[in-house]
Each structure stands twice: as structure tokens, then as C-alpha cells.
Amino acid sequence: MDPKQRNNIHTGLRVFVVQKQDQRTGKETEGVVASILTKSSYHPHGIKVRLESGIVGRVSLIPSE
């Protein structure tokens, strides 16, 4: 699924995000989506979300289960 499309992301979904401070290295953090922060239906860098742990980042990968 494309992490740049908002309709592919919903609360409770396990995703990998890249936090703002990790954009240069591309370090990914895994977590579960608590809320979707991006309002538009598409974002070229990934949809911004808040994870249940409180971490905010842009979705880089939606693992297939």
C-alpha cells in the first residue's frame, strides 16, 4: 500500500515512520497509528501521523501482514 495516500492509513494500523530529526539518515520507527495529522488526501513525503507512543512522523512503510 502507498504510504503517501491518506486513505491507506487508519488508526490501529502498524506502520514505520521517519521522524523530523531522522530525515537525513532515514531511520525508521515502528508503531501503531493513534491519529492522522495530515488533512490532504496525498502528501509526496508521506502522511504525517502520531503513534500510540506519542511519536510524530511521516509514514514511510506500511508492512504487509
N, C-alpha and C. Protein backbone atom coordinates (compact mmCIF):
# COMPACT_ATOMS: atom_id res chain seq x y z
N MET A 1 0.84 -1.19 0.00
CA MET A 1 0.00 0.00 0.00
C MET A 1 0.88 1.25 0.00
N ASP A 2 0.41 2.27 -0.65
CA ASP A 2 1.17 3.51 -0.79
C ASP A 2 1.05 4.36 0.48
N PRO A 3 2.17 4.64 1.18
CA PRO A 3 2.13 5.45 2.41
C PRO A 3 1.90 6.94 2.14
N LYS A 4 1.83 7.32 0.87
CA LYS A 4 1.60 8.73 0.52
C LYS A 4 0.12 9.04 0.35
N GLN A 5 -0.73 8.01 0.33
CA GLN A 5 -2.18 8.17 0.18
C GLN A 5 -2.84 8.07 1.55
N ARG A 6 -3.58 9.09 1.92
CA ARG A 6 -4.21 9.13 3.25
C ARG A 6 -5.23 8.01 3.45
N ASN A 7 -5.93 7.61 2.37
CA ASN A 7 -6.97 6.58 2.52
C ASN A 7 -6.40 5.18 2.80
N ASN A 8 -5.08 5.00 2.69
CA ASN A 8 -4.45 3.72 3.02
C ASN A 8 -4.09 3.61 4.50
N ILE A 9 -4.26 4.70 5.25
CA ILE A 9 -3.82 4.74 6.64
C ILE A 9 -5.03 4.96 7.55
N HIS A 10 -5.08 4.21 8.65
CA HIS A 10 -6.17 4.37 9.61
C HIS A 10 -5.63 4.09 11.01
N THR A 11 -6.38 4.52 12.02
CA THR A 11 -5.95 4.28 13.40
C THR A 11 -5.89 2.78 13.67
N GLY A 12 -4.91 2.39 14.46
CA GLY A 12 -4.74 0.98 14.78
C GLY A 12 -3.84 0.24 13.81
N LEU A 13 -3.42 0.90 12.73
CA LEU A 13 -2.57 0.27 11.72
C LEU A 13 -1.10 0.33 12.16
N ARG A 14 -0.38 -0.79 12.02
CA ARG A 14 1.06 -0.83 12.34
C ARG A 14 1.83 -0.29 11.14
N VAL A 15 2.69 0.72 11.39
CA VAL A 15 3.43 1.38 10.31
C VAL A 15 4.86 1.68 10.76
N PHE A 16 5.68 2.07 9.81
CA PHE A 16 7.01 2.61 10.08
C PHE A 16 6.98 4.08 9.71
N VAL A 17 7.52 4.94 10.58
CA VAL A 17 7.57 6.37 10.32
C VAL A 17 9.00 6.87 10.39
N VAL A 18 9.24 8.01 9.72
CA VAL A 18 10.51 8.72 9.83
C VAL A 18 10.22 10.03 10.56
N GLN A 19 10.88 10.22 11.71
CA GLN A 19 10.69 11.45 12.47
C GLN A 19 11.48 12.58 11.82
N LYS A 20 11.11 13.83 12.13
CA LYS A 20 11.74 15.01 11.54
C LYS A 20 13.26 14.97 11.72
N GLN A 21 13.73 14.66 12.92
CA GLN A 21 15.18 14.67 13.18
C GLN A 21 15.91 13.51 12.51
N ASP A 22 15.19 12.52 12.00
CA ASP A 22 15.80 11.37 11.34
C ASP A 22 15.70 11.41 9.82
N GLN A 23 15.23 12.54 9.27
CA GLN A 23 15.02 12.61 7.82
C GLN A 23 16.31 12.44 7.03
N ARG A 24 17.43 12.95 7.55
CA ARG A 24 18.70 12.83 6.82
C ARG A 24 19.18 11.39 6.78
N THR A 25 19.02 10.66 7.88
CA THR A 25 19.51 9.29 7.94
C THR A 25 18.48 8.29 7.42
N GLY A 26 17.20 8.66 7.48
CA GLY A 26 16.14 7.76 7.05
C GLY A 26 15.79 6.70 8.09
N LYS A 27 16.24 6.91 9.34
CA LYS A 27 15.96 5.95 10.42
C LYS A 27 14.45 5.84 10.63
N GLU A 28 13.97 4.61 10.63
CA GLU A 28 12.53 4.36 10.77
C GLU A 28 12.19 3.90 12.18
N THR A 29 11.01 4.29 12.64
CA THR A 29 10.49 3.88 13.94
C THR A 29 9.17 3.17 13.70
N GLU A 30 9.00 2.02 14.33
CA GLU A 30 7.77 1.23 14.15
C GLU A 30 6.78 1.59 15.25
N GLY A 31 5.50 1.60 14.91
CA GLY A 31 4.47 1.86 15.90
C GLY A 31 3.08 1.68 15.33
N VAL A 32 2.09 1.99 16.18
CA VAL A 32 0.68 1.87 15.79
C VAL A 32 0.08 3.27 15.72
N VAL A 33 -0.63 3.55 14.64
CA VAL A 33 -1.21 4.87 14.41
C VAL A 33 -2.28 5.18 15.45
N ALA A 34 -2.12 6.31 16.14
CA ALA A 34 -3.12 6.79 17.08
C ALA A 34 -4.00 7.85 16.43
N SER A 35 -3.38 8.72 15.60
CA SER A 35 -4.16 9.74 14.88
C SER A 35 -3.42 10.16 13.62
N ILE A 36 -4.19 10.62 12.64
CA ILE A 36 -3.65 11.09 11.37
C ILE A 36 -3.62 12.60 11.41
N LEU A 37 -2.45 13.20 11.17
CA LEU A 37 -2.30 14.65 11.29
C LEU A 37 -2.40 15.37 9.95
N THR A 38 -2.10 14.69 8.84
CA THR A 38 -2.19 15.30 7.51
C THR A 38 -3.65 15.34 7.08
N LYS A 39 -4.10 16.51 6.65
CA LYS A 39 -5.50 16.67 6.24
C LYS A 39 -5.72 16.34 4.78
N SER A 40 -4.69 16.56 3.93
CA SER A 40 -4.87 16.33 2.50
C SER A 40 -4.88 14.83 2.19
N SER A 41 -5.42 14.45 1.04
CA SER A 41 -5.55 13.04 0.69
C SER A 41 -4.23 12.45 0.20
N TYR A 42 -3.25 13.31 -0.14
CA TYR A 42 -1.95 12.85 -0.64
C TYR A 42 -0.86 13.79 -0.15
N HIS A 43 0.30 13.23 0.20
CA HIS A 43 1.47 14.05 0.51
C HIS A 43 2.70 13.37 -0.06
N PRO A 44 3.53 14.09 -0.83
CA PRO A 44 4.65 13.46 -1.52
C PRO A 44 5.71 12.85 -0.60
N HIS A 45 5.79 13.29 0.65
CA HIS A 45 6.78 12.75 1.59
C HIS A 45 6.18 11.75 2.57
N GLY A 46 4.92 11.45 2.43
CA GLY A 46 4.25 10.52 3.34
C GLY A 46 3.28 11.25 4.25
N ILE A 47 2.27 10.54 4.71
CA ILE A 47 1.23 11.10 5.56
C ILE A 47 1.77 11.22 6.99
N LYS A 48 1.59 12.38 7.61
CA LYS A 48 2.07 12.59 8.97
C LYS A 48 1.07 12.01 9.97
N VAL A 49 1.59 11.22 10.92
CA VAL A 49 0.74 10.57 11.92
C VAL A 49 1.36 10.71 13.30
N ARG A 50 0.53 10.51 14.32
CA ARG A 50 1.01 10.39 15.71
C ARG A 50 0.81 8.93 16.10
N LEU A 51 1.88 8.31 16.59
CA LEU A 51 1.80 6.93 17.02
C LEU A 51 1.27 6.86 18.45
N GLU A 52 0.87 5.67 18.89
CA GLU A 52 0.36 5.49 20.25
C GLU A 52 1.41 5.85 21.29
N SER A 53 2.70 5.77 20.92
CA SER A 53 3.78 6.12 21.83
C SER A 53 3.99 7.63 21.93
N GLY A 54 3.27 8.41 21.09
CA GLY A 54 3.40 9.87 21.11
C GLY A 54 4.35 10.39 20.04
N ILE A 55 5.06 9.51 19.37
CA ILE A 55 6.00 9.91 18.32
C ILE A 55 5.23 10.41 17.10
N VAL A 56 5.71 11.53 16.52
CA VAL A 56 5.10 12.09 15.31
C VAL A 56 6.09 11.92 14.17
N GLY A 57 5.60 11.45 13.04
CA GLY A 57 6.46 11.29 11.87
C GLY A 57 5.64 11.02 10.63
N ARG A 58 6.35 10.94 9.51
CA ARG A 58 5.69 10.66 8.23
C ARG A 58 5.81 9.17 7.93
N VAL A 59 4.70 8.58 7.51
CA VAL A 59 4.67 7.14 7.22
C VAL A 59 5.58 6.87 6.02
N SER A 60 6.54 5.95 6.22
CA SER A 60 7.45 5.58 5.16
C SER A 60 7.15 4.19 4.61
N LEU A 61 6.50 3.35 5.45
CA LEU A 61 6.24 1.98 5.04
C LEU A 61 5.03 1.44 5.79
N ILE A 62 4.17 0.76 5.04
CA ILE A 62 3.05 0.03 5.63
C ILE A 62 3.34 -1.44 5.39
N PRO A 63 3.80 -2.18 6.42
CA PRO A 63 4.15 -3.59 6.19
C PRO A 63 2.93 -4.43 5.86
N SER A 64 3.11 -5.35 4.93
CA SER A 64 2.01 -6.29 4.61
C SER A 64 2.08 -7.45 5.59
N GLU A 65 0.94 -7.79 6.17
CA GLU A 65 0.94 -8.81 7.22
C GLU A 65 0.52 -10.15 6.72
